[in-house]
Amino acid sequence: MSHPSPASALYAGAVTHVRTRPRVHKLRYRVFWTLLDLDEIDGLDKRLKLFARNRFSLLSFFDRDHGAGTAEPLRTQVERYLAQAGIILDGGPIRLLSMPRVLGYVFNPISVYFCHRPGGELAAMIYEVTNTFGQRHSYLIPVEAGLPKGAAVMQSCQKDLYVSPFIGMDIRYDFRLTEPDERVSLVVHGSDPQGLLISAAMYGKRAEFSDGAILRTVLRHPLLTLKVVGAINWEALKLWGKGVRLVRRPPPPDAPVTIVDTRAG
């Protein structure tokens, strides 16, 4: 008997990057993500053979792969950060778009949390960035009240975590994303004082969260984690070969989350 999940889903698509200077550099890779309603994960674990929470499976979700990196339930962590920003969801859904563990391995350059009020209105976005040095930092940005359903969410913040050894810290991120539906998309522009430096985008098409869809998706995108990590290192090598200078890595920020005051400025 089929028991489709009302919110959790798979999204298969691609990631693109375009660097504008001092050397033009472009890349595109096919990847996939899971959209997980944090309140549905245990139910998915129980009814699916190819997905598990906090244990090995073809696809799996470990709470420690996100947030503080501990076994504390992720929803508890997210609600605490939201409360620090003065946002109370009152039990509204939190949905996480990220890459899953595939055969026990995962690396997520960026994970996106859609935080909703009980009526479905978006209250805040959290952009969780992980670098290849084992550091993680999140940007929590409230969503403007009254945003029409389906409208693009457009937000900005200053960069606080060192990510690429070829990009400095004086960067403003501009996010443009759509809520997951039949498709999902996120565009991130990184600009320095001279203007646009890098544009990254991810987009995908929805599939149901079922054993059959998991198997088909993994077969179409084999070795996802190794592909992502390998691509990061390969593209870094090509940038170095083009003569792009390395930037020294500063200490990570003291706080795990940057709470953006959208009223400022």
C-alpha atoms as a PDB file:
ATOM      1  CA  MET A   1       0.000   0.000   0.000  1.00  0.00           C
ATOM      2  CA  SER A   2       1.298   3.436  -0.891  1.00  0.00           C
ATOM      3  CA  HIS A   3       1.617   6.132   1.788  1.00  0.00           C
ATOM      4  CA  PRO A   4       2.926   9.209  -0.013  1.00  0.00           C
ATOM      5  CA  SER A   5       4.538  11.852   2.119  1.00  0.00           C
ATOM      6  CA  PRO A   6       2.778  15.212   1.821  1.00  0.00           C
ATOM      7  CA  ALA A   7       5.927  17.351   1.910  1.00  0.00           C
ATOM      8  CA  SER A   8       9.176  15.383   1.752  1.00  0.00           C
ATOM      9  CA  ALA A   9      10.455  14.717  -1.750  1.00  0.00           C
ATOM     10  CA  LEU A  10      13.444  14.139  -4.002  1.00  0.00           C
ATOM     11  CA  TYR A  11      14.708  16.821  -6.374  1.00  0.00           C
ATOM     12  CA  ALA A  12      17.046  15.925  -9.235  1.00  0.00           C
ATOM     13  CA  GLY A  13      18.730  18.635 -11.273  1.00  0.00           C
ATOM     14  CA  ALA A  14      22.020  20.474 -11.521  1.00  0.00           C
ATOM     15  CA  VAL A  15      24.393  22.943  -9.905  1.00  0.00           C
ATOM     16  CA  THR A  16      26.085  25.700 -11.900  1.00  0.00           C
ATOM     17  CA  HIS A  17      28.820  28.197 -11.011  1.00  0.00           C
ATOM     18  CA  VAL A  18      30.105  31.140 -13.007  1.00  0.00           C
ATOM     19  CA  ARG A  19      33.084  33.207 -11.839  1.00  0.00           C
ATOM     20  CA  THR A  20      33.499  36.513 -13.664  1.00  0.00           C
ATOM     21  CA  ARG A  21      37.070  37.566 -12.769  1.00  0.00           C
ATOM     22  CA  PRO A  22      40.030  37.738 -12.759  1.00  0.00           C
ATOM     23  CA  ARG A  23      39.541  34.697 -15.004  1.00  0.00           C
ATOM     24  CA  VAL A  24      36.165  33.529 -16.300  1.00  0.00           C
ATOM     25  CA  HIS A  25      35.432  30.052 -14.970  1.00  0.00           C
ATOM     26  CA  LYS A  26      32.264  27.972 -15.366  1.00  0.00           C
ATOM     27  CA  LEU A  27      31.033  24.581 -14.178  1.00  0.00           C
ATOM     28  CA  ARG A  28      27.867  22.492 -14.255  1.00  0.00           C
ATOM     29  CA  TYR A  29      27.197  19.179 -12.497  1.00  0.00           C
ATOM     30  CA  ARG A  30      24.126  16.954 -12.250  1.00  0.00           C
ATOM     31  CA  VAL A  31      23.138  16.235  -8.641  1.00  0.00           C
ATOM     32  CA  PHE A  32      20.092  15.543  -6.467  1.00  0.00           C
ATOM     33  CA  TRP A  33      18.747  16.637  -3.104  1.00  0.00           C
ATOM     34  CA  THR A  34      16.204  15.519  -0.538  1.00  0.00           C
ATOM     35  CA  LEU A  35      13.560  17.861   0.821  1.00  0.00           C
ATOM     36  CA  LEU A  36      12.796  16.572   4.309  1.00  0.00           C
ATOM     37  CA  ASP A  37      10.070  17.842   6.560  1.00  0.00           C
ATOM     38  CA  LEU A  38      11.782  17.450   9.934  1.00  0.00           C
ATOM     39  CA  ASP A  39       8.570  16.046  11.433  1.00  0.00           C
ATOM     40  CA  GLU A  40       8.269  13.380   8.734  1.00  0.00           C
ATOM     41  CA  ILE A  41      11.747  11.856   8.885  1.00  0.00           C
ATOM     42  CA  ASP A  42      10.950   9.130  11.423  1.00  0.00           C
ATOM     43  CA  GLY A  43       7.860   8.121   9.442  1.00  0.00           C
ATOM     44  CA  LEU A  44       9.901   7.875   6.254  1.00  0.00           C
ATOM     45  CA  ASP A  45      12.435   5.718   8.089  1.00  0.00           C
ATOM     46  CA  LYS A  46       9.687   3.318   9.201  1.00  0.00           C
ATOM     47  CA  ARG A  47       7.954   2.865   5.856  1.00  0.00           C
ATOM     48  CA  LEU A  48      10.916   2.860   3.443  1.00  0.00           C
ATOM     49  CA  LYS A  49      13.571   0.195   2.952  1.00  0.00           C
ATOM     50  CA  LEU A  50      16.122   2.452   1.226  1.00  0.00           C
ATOM     51  CA  PHE A  51      16.064   5.415   3.630  1.00  0.00           C
ATOM     52  CA  ALA A  52      16.999   5.642   7.309  1.00  0.00           C
ATOM     53  CA  ARG A  53      17.531   8.179  10.057  1.00  0.00           C
ATOM     54  CA  ASN A  54      20.791   8.105  11.996  1.00  0.00           C
ATOM     55  CA  ARG A  55      21.748   4.677  10.635  1.00  0.00           C
ATOM     56  CA  PHE A  56      23.186   3.226   7.446  1.00  0.00           C
ATOM     57  CA  SER A  57      21.053   2.818   4.331  1.00  0.00           C
ATOM     58  CA  LEU A  58      21.245   3.555   0.602  1.00  0.00           C
ATOM     59  CA  LEU A  59      20.062   7.089   1.502  1.00  0.00           C
ATOM     60  CA  SER A  60      20.195   8.290   5.070  1.00  0.00           C
ATOM     61  CA  PHE A  61      19.813  11.406   7.172  1.00  0.00           C
ATOM     62  CA  PHE A  62      21.973  11.989  10.251  1.00  0.00           C
ATOM     63  CA  ASP A  63      21.088  14.886  12.546  1.00  0.00           C
ATOM     64  CA  ARG A  64      24.789  15.426  13.252  1.00  0.00           C
ATOM     65  CA  ASP A  65      25.431  16.245   9.583  1.00  0.00           C
ATOM     66  CA  HIS A  66      23.731  19.598  10.185  1.00  0.00           C
ATOM     67  CA  GLY A  67      23.477  22.309  12.796  1.00  0.00           C
ATOM     68  CA  ALA A  68      25.835  21.904  15.735  1.00  0.00           C
ATOM     69  CA  GLY A  69      26.990  18.487  14.536  1.00  0.00           C
ATOM     70  CA  THR A  70      25.547  16.740  17.605  1.00  0.00           C
ATOM     71  CA  ALA A  71      22.832  14.138  18.126  1.00  0.00           C
ATOM     72  CA  GLU A  72      20.417  16.816  19.381  1.00  0.00           C
ATOM     73  CA  PRO A  73      17.278  16.746  17.194  1.00  0.00           C
ATOM     74  CA  LEU A  74      17.651  19.256  14.417  1.00  0.00           C
ATOM     75  CA  ARG A  75      14.218  20.788  14.935  1.00  0.00           C
ATOM     76  CA  THR A  76      15.153  21.664  18.522  1.00  0.00           C
ATOM     77  CA  GLN A  77      18.296  23.433  17.332  1.00  0.00           C
ATOM     78  CA  VAL A  78      16.496  25.353  14.597  1.00  0.00           C
ATOM     79  CA  GLU A  79      13.722  26.497  16.943  1.00  0.00           C
ATOM     80  CA  ARG A  80      16.328  27.758  19.419  1.00  0.00           C
ATOM     81  CA  TYR A  81      18.070  29.835  16.737  1.00  0.00           C
ATOM     82  CA  LEU A  82      14.717  31.181  15.519  1.00  0.00           C
ATOM     83  CA  ALA A  83      13.781  32.159  19.088  1.00  0.00           C
ATOM     84  CA  GLN A  84      17.038  34.158  19.313  1.00  0.00           C
ATOM     85  CA  ALA A  85      15.768  36.067  16.272  1.00  0.00           C
ATOM     86  CA  GLY A  86      12.381  36.616  17.932  1.00  0.00           C
ATOM     87  CA  ILE A  87      10.620  34.106  15.660  1.00  0.00           C
ATOM     88  CA  ILE A  88       8.295  31.497  17.180  1.00  0.00           C
ATOM     89  CA  LEU A  89       6.897  28.950  14.714  1.00  0.00           C
ATOM     90  CA  ASP A  90       4.254  27.498  17.078  1.00  0.00           C
ATOM     91  CA  GLY A  91       4.803  24.047  15.602  1.00  0.00           C
ATOM     92  CA  GLY A  92       4.876  25.149  11.980  1.00  0.00           C
ATOM     93  CA  PRO A  93       6.789  22.930   9.550  1.00  0.00           C
ATOM     94  CA  ILE A  94      10.536  23.137   9.006  1.00  0.00           C
ATOM     95  CA  ARG A  95      11.730  21.653   5.717  1.00  0.00           C
ATOM     96  CA  LEU A  96      15.363  21.046   4.862  1.00  0.00           C
ATOM     97  CA  LEU A  97      16.693  20.933   1.314  1.00  0.00           C
ATOM     98  CA  SER A  98      20.078  19.188   1.306  1.00  0.00           C
ATOM     99  CA  MET A  99      22.073  16.310  -0.104  1.00  0.00           C
ATOM    100  CA  PRO A 100      21.549  13.034   1.760  1.00  0.00           C
ATOM    101  CA  ARG A 101      24.123  10.510   2.821  1.00  0.00           C
ATOM    102  CA  VAL A 102      24.573   8.027  -0.019  1.00  0.00           C
ATOM    103  CA  LEU A 103      25.905   4.672   1.247  1.00  0.00           C
ATOM    104  CA  GLY A 104      27.048   6.498   4.382  1.00  0.00           C
ATOM    105  CA  TYR A 105      28.855   9.457   2.803  1.00  0.00           C
ATOM    106  CA  VAL A 106      27.789  13.096   2.447  1.00  0.00           C
ATOM    107  CA  PHE A 107      29.094  16.608   1.882  1.00  0.00           C
ATOM    108  CA  ASN A 108      26.756  19.597   1.713  1.00  0.00           C
ATOM    109  CA  PRO A 109      28.237  22.895   0.488  1.00  0.00           C
ATOM    110  CA  ILE A 110      24.865  24.510   1.264  1.00  0.00           C
ATOM    111  CA  SER A 111      21.685  23.303   2.939  1.00  0.00           C
ATOM    112  CA  VAL A 112      18.512  25.388   3.016  1.00  0.00           C
ATOM    113  CA  TYR A 113      15.857  25.415   5.766  1.00  0.00           C
ATOM    114  CA  PHE A 114      12.351  26.658   4.953  1.00  0.00           C
ATOM    115  CA  CYS A 115      10.784  27.652   8.288  1.00  0.00           C
ATOM    116  CA  HIS A 116       6.982  28.067   8.236  1.00  0.00           C
ATOM    117  CA  ARG A 117       4.306  29.310  10.561  1.00  0.00           C
ATOM    118  CA  PRO A 118       1.382  26.914  11.257  1.00  0.00           C
ATOM    119  CA  GLY A 119      -0.686  28.410   8.425  1.00  0.00           C
ATOM    120  CA  GLY A 120       2.075  27.707   5.901  1.00  0.00           C
ATOM    121  CA  GLU A 121       3.504  31.238   5.641  1.00  0.00           C
ATOM    122  CA  LEU A 122       7.279  31.392   5.432  1.00  0.00           C
ATOM    123  CA  ALA A 123       8.715  32.941   8.591  1.00  0.00           C
ATOM    124  CA  ALA A 124      12.445  32.620   7.946  1.00  0.00           C
ATOM    125  CA  MET A 125      15.128  31.056   5.806  1.00  0.00           C
ATOM    126  CA  ILE A 126      18.323  29.499   7.110  1.00  0.00           C
ATOM    127  CA  TYR A 127      21.227  29.021   4.713  1.00  0.00           C
ATOM    128  CA  GLU A 128      23.681  26.532   6.234  1.00  0.00           C
ATOM    129  CA  VAL A 129      27.126  26.603   4.620  1.00  0.00           C
ATOM    130  CA  THR A 130      29.796  23.944   5.127  1.00  0.00           C
ATOM    131  CA  ASN A 131      33.347  24.330   3.841  1.00  0.00           C
ATOM    132  CA  THR A 132      35.900  21.656   3.039  1.00  0.00           C
ATOM    133  CA  PHE A 133      37.841  22.482   6.219  1.00  0.00           C
ATOM    134  CA  GLY A 134      35.157  20.954   8.450  1.00  0.00           C
ATOM    135  CA  GLN A 135      33.617  24.307   9.413  1.00  0.00           C
ATOM    136  CA  ARG A 136      29.909  25.111   9.300  1.00  0.00           C
ATOM    137  CA  HIS A 137      28.007  28.376   9.643  1.00  0.00           C
ATOM    138  CA  SER A 138      24.406  29.438   9.084  1.00  0.00           C
ATOM    139  CA  TYR A 139      22.724  32.660   8.015  1.00  0.00           C
ATOM    140  CA  LEU A 140      19.228  33.114   9.470  1.00  0.00           C
ATOM    141  CA  ILE A 141      17.170  35.682   7.575  1.00  0.00           C
ATOM    142  CA  PRO A 142      13.539  36.522   8.422  1.00  0.00           C
ATOM    143  CA  VAL A 143      11.089  36.501   5.518  1.00  0.00           C
ATOM    144  CA  GLU A 144       9.030  39.613   4.909  1.00  0.00           C
ATOM    145  CA  ALA A 145       5.495  39.194   6.237  1.00  0.00           C
ATOM    146  CA  GLY A 146       2.772  38.878   3.643  1.00  0.00           C
ATOM    147  CA  LEU A 147       4.949  37.384   0.903  1.00  0.00           C
ATOM    148  CA  PRO A 148       2.509  35.916  -1.652  1.00  0.00           C
ATOM    149  CA  LYS A 149       2.507  32.136  -2.018  1.00  0.00           C
ATOM    150  CA  GLY A 150       4.867  31.112  -4.811  1.00  0.00           C
ATOM    151  CA  ALA A 151       6.643  34.473  -4.941  1.00  0.00           C
ATOM    152  CA  ALA A 152      10.435  34.473  -5.101  1.00  0.00           C
ATOM    153  CA  VAL A 153      12.218  35.024  -1.803  1.00  0.00           C
ATOM    154  CA  MET A 154      14.981  37.613  -2.199  1.00  0.00           C
ATOM    155  CA  GLN A 155      17.423  38.131   0.682  1.00  0.00           C
ATOM    156  CA  SER A 156      20.945  39.374   1.358  1.00  0.00           C
ATOM    157  CA  CYS A 157      23.686  39.104   3.975  1.00  0.00           C
ATOM    158  CA  GLN A 158      27.410  39.594   4.423  1.00  0.00           C
ATOM    159  CA  LYS A 159      29.743  36.610   4.195  1.00  0.00           C
ATOM    160  CA  ASP A 160      30.984  35.377   7.596  1.00  0.00           C
ATOM    161  CA  LEU A 161      32.480  31.945   6.824  1.00  0.00           C
ATOM    162  CA  TYR A 162      35.526  31.316   4.639  1.00  0.00           C
ATOM    163  CA  VAL A 163      34.478  28.952   1.850  1.00  0.00           C
ATOM    164  CA  SER A 164      36.649  29.056  -1.264  1.00  0.00           C
ATOM    165  CA  PRO A 165      40.423  29.579  -1.025  1.00  0.00           C
ATOM    166  CA  PHE A 166      40.054  31.795  -4.109  1.00  0.00           C
ATOM    167  CA  ILE A 167      37.447  34.226  -2.710  1.00  0.00           C
ATOM    168  CA  GLY A 168      38.008  36.787   0.047  1.00  0.00           C
ATOM    169  CA  MET A 169      35.713  37.653   2.944  1.00  0.00           C
ATOM    170  CA  ASP A 170      34.493  41.058   1.737  1.00  0.00           C
ATOM    171  CA  ILE A 171      31.499  39.515  -0.037  1.00  0.00           C
ATOM    172  CA  ARG A 172      27.769  40.192  -0.016  1.00  0.00           C
ATOM    173  CA  TYR A 173      25.498  37.240  -0.736  1.00  0.00           C
ATOM    174  CA  ASP A 174      22.250  37.889  -2.598  1.00  0.00           C
ATOM    175  CA  PHE A 175      19.830  34.954  -2.514  1.00  0.00           C
ATOM    176  CA  ARG A 176      16.882  34.372  -4.815  1.00  0.00           C
ATOM    177  CA  LEU A 177      14.890  31.200  -4.289  1.00  0.00           C
ATOM    178  CA  THR A 178      11.520  29.618  -4.844  1.00  0.00           C
ATOM    179  CA  GLU A 179       9.707  27.446  -2.329  1.00  0.00           C
ATOM    180  CA  PRO A 180       9.853  23.775  -3.303  1.00  0.00           C
ATOM    181  CA  ASP A 181       6.904  22.698  -5.411  1.00  0.00           C
ATOM    182  CA  GLU A 182       7.105  20.785  -8.679  1.00  0.00           C
ATOM    183  CA  ARG A 183      10.465  22.498  -9.065  1.00  0.00           C
ATOM    184  CA  VAL A 184      12.899  24.228  -6.763  1.00  0.00           C
ATOM    185  CA  SER A 185      15.607  26.773  -7.500  1.00  0.00           C
ATOM    186  CA  LEU A 186      18.182  28.819  -5.634  1.00  0.00           C
ATOM    187  CA  VAL A 187      20.463  31.462  -7.111  1.00  0.00           C
ATOM    188  CA  VAL A 188      23.273  32.993  -5.054  1.00  0.00           C
ATOM    189  CA  HIS A 189      25.231  36.011  -6.273  1.00  0.00           C
ATOM    190  CA  GLY A 190      28.471  36.848  -4.486  1.00  0.00           C
ATOM    191  CA  SER A 191      29.612  40.451  -4.921  1.00  0.00           C
ATOM    192  CA  ASP A 192      32.691  42.278  -3.665  1.00  0.00           C
ATOM    193  CA  PRO A 193      33.332  46.054  -3.748  1.00  0.00           C
ATOM    194  CA  GLN A 194      34.072  45.792  -7.492  1.00  0.00           C
ATOM    195  CA  GLY A 195      30.737  44.133  -8.279  1.00  0.00           C
ATOM    196  CA  LEU A 196      29.528  40.638  -9.118  1.00  0.00           C
ATOM    197  CA  LEU A 197      32.279  38.061  -8.624  1.00  0.00           C
ATOM    198  CA  ILE A 198      30.482  34.720  -8.671  1.00  0.00           C
ATOM    199  CA  SER A 199      27.021  33.408  -9.468  1.00  0.00           C
ATOM    200  CA  ALA A 200      25.929  29.970  -8.276  1.00  0.00           C
ATOM    201  CA  ALA A 201      22.616  28.255  -8.936  1.00  0.00           C
ATOM    202  CA  MET A 202      20.914  24.987  -8.104  1.00  0.00           C
ATOM    203  CA  TYR A 203      17.668  23.775  -9.588  1.00  0.00           C
ATOM    204  CA  GLY A 204      15.746  20.522  -9.552  1.00  0.00           C
ATOM    205  CA  LYS A 205      12.531  18.739 -10.485  1.00  0.00           C
ATOM    206  CA  ARG A 206      10.423  16.981  -7.882  1.00  0.00           C
ATOM    207  CA  ALA A 207       9.924  13.233  -7.506  1.00  0.00           C
ATOM    208  CA  GLU A 208       8.044  11.384  -4.794  1.00  0.00           C
ATOM    209  CA  PHE A 209       9.934  10.098  -1.773  1.00  0.00           C
ATOM    210  CA  SER A 210       9.583   6.353  -2.321  1.00  0.00           C
ATOM    211  CA  ASP A 211      11.874   3.345  -2.536  1.00  0.00           C
ATOM    212  CA  GLY A 212      11.421   3.169  -6.292  1.00  0.00           C
ATOM    213  CA  ALA A 213      12.225   6.842  -6.804  1.00  0.00           C
ATOM    214  CA  ILE A 214      15.249   6.615  -4.474  1.00  0.00           C
ATOM    215  CA  LEU A 215      16.677   3.679  -6.414  1.00  0.00           C
ATOM    216  CA  ARG A 216      16.114   5.339  -9.796  1.00  0.00           C
ATOM    217  CA  THR A 217      17.639   8.610  -8.619  1.00  0.00           C
ATOM    218  CA  VAL A 218      20.740   6.993  -7.139  1.00  0.00           C
ATOM    219  CA  LEU A 219      21.290   4.931 -10.290  1.00  0.00           C
ATOM    220  CA  ARG A 220      21.087   8.116 -12.389  1.00  0.00           C
ATOM    221  CA  HIS A 221      23.454   9.989 -10.045  1.00  0.00           C
ATOM    222  CA  PRO A 222      25.934   7.392  -8.766  1.00  0.00           C
ATOM    223  CA  LEU A 223      28.595   8.250  -6.185  1.00  0.00           C
ATOM    224  CA  LEU A 224      26.995  11.625  -5.455  1.00  0.00           C
ATOM    225  CA  THR A 225      29.200  12.570  -2.501  1.00  0.00           C
ATOM    226  CA  LEU A 226      32.455  11.559  -4.186  1.00  0.00           C
ATOM    227  CA  LYS A 227      31.326  13.493  -7.255  1.00  0.00           C
ATOM    228  CA  VAL A 228      30.697  16.666  -5.242  1.00  0.00           C
ATOM    229  CA  VAL A 229      33.972  16.527  -3.293  1.00  0.00           C
ATOM    230  CA  GLY A 230      35.945  15.529  -6.371  1.00  0.00           C
ATOM    231  CA  ALA A 231      34.410  18.360  -8.388  1.00  0.00           C
ATOM    232  CA  ILE A 232      35.306  20.933  -5.714  1.00  0.00           C
ATOM    233  CA  ASN A 233      38.947  19.837  -5.711  1.00  0.00           C
ATOM    234  CA  TRP A 234      39.143  19.542  -9.498  1.00  0.00           C
ATOM    235  CA  GLU A 235      37.675  23.006 -10.070  1.00  0.00           C
ATOM    236  CA  ALA A 236      40.038  24.446  -7.439  1.00  0.00           C
ATOM    237  CA  LEU A 237      42.967  22.919  -9.287  1.00  0.00           C
ATOM    238  CA  LYS A 238      41.789  24.468 -12.552  1.00  0.00           C
ATOM    239  CA  LEU A 239      41.415  27.899 -10.925  1.00  0.00           C
ATOM    240  CA  TRP A 240      44.934  27.620  -9.514  1.00  0.00           C
ATOM    241  CA  GLY A 241      46.132  26.664 -12.983  1.00  0.00           C
ATOM    242  CA  LYS A 242      44.513  29.814 -14.370  1.00  0.00           C
ATOM    243  CA  GLY A 243      46.595  31.899 -11.990  1.00  0.00           C
ATOM    244  CA  VAL A 244      43.838  32.886  -9.532  1.00  0.00           C
ATOM    245  CA  ARG A 245      45.494  33.810  -6.247  1.00  0.00           C
ATOM    246  CA  LEU A 246      44.861  32.005  -2.976  1.00  0.00           C
ATOM    247  CA  VAL A 247      43.263  33.845  -0.035  1.00  0.00           C
ATOM    248  CA  ARG A 248      44.416  33.125   3.528  1.00  0.00           C
ATOM    249  CA  ARG A 249      41.790  31.419   5.711  1.00  0.00           C
ATOM    250  CA  PRO A 250      40.730  33.505   8.745  1.00  0.00           C
ATOM    251  CA  PRO A 251      39.355  32.013  11.985  1.00  0.00           C
ATOM    252  CA  PRO A 252      35.690  30.951  11.812  1.00  0.00           C
ATOM    253  CA  PRO A 253      33.036  33.214  13.371  1.00  0.00           C
ATOM    254  CA  ASP A 254      32.464  32.843  17.114  1.00  0.00           C
ATOM    255  CA  ALA A 255      28.698  32.241  16.814  1.00  0.00           C
ATOM    256  CA  PRO A 256      27.323  29.266  14.827  1.00  0.00           C
ATOM    257  CA  VAL A 257      24.575  31.399  13.293  1.00  0.00           C
ATOM    258  CA  THR A 258      24.475  34.905  11.878  1.00  0.00           C
ATOM    259  CA  ILE A 259      21.037  36.404  12.524  1.00  0.00           C
ATOM    260  CA  VAL A 260      20.407  39.021   9.880  1.00  0.00           C
ATOM    261  CA  ASP A 261      18.452  42.090  10.965  1.00  0.00           C
ATOM    262  CA  THR A 262      16.358  42.856   7.895  1.00  0.00           C
ATOM    263  CA  ARG A 263      15.246  46.152   9.432  1.00  0.00           C
ATOM    264  CA  ALA A 264      18.797  47.515   9.329  1.00  0.00           C
ATOM    265  CA  GLY A 265      19.624  49.862   6.500  1.00  0.00           C
END
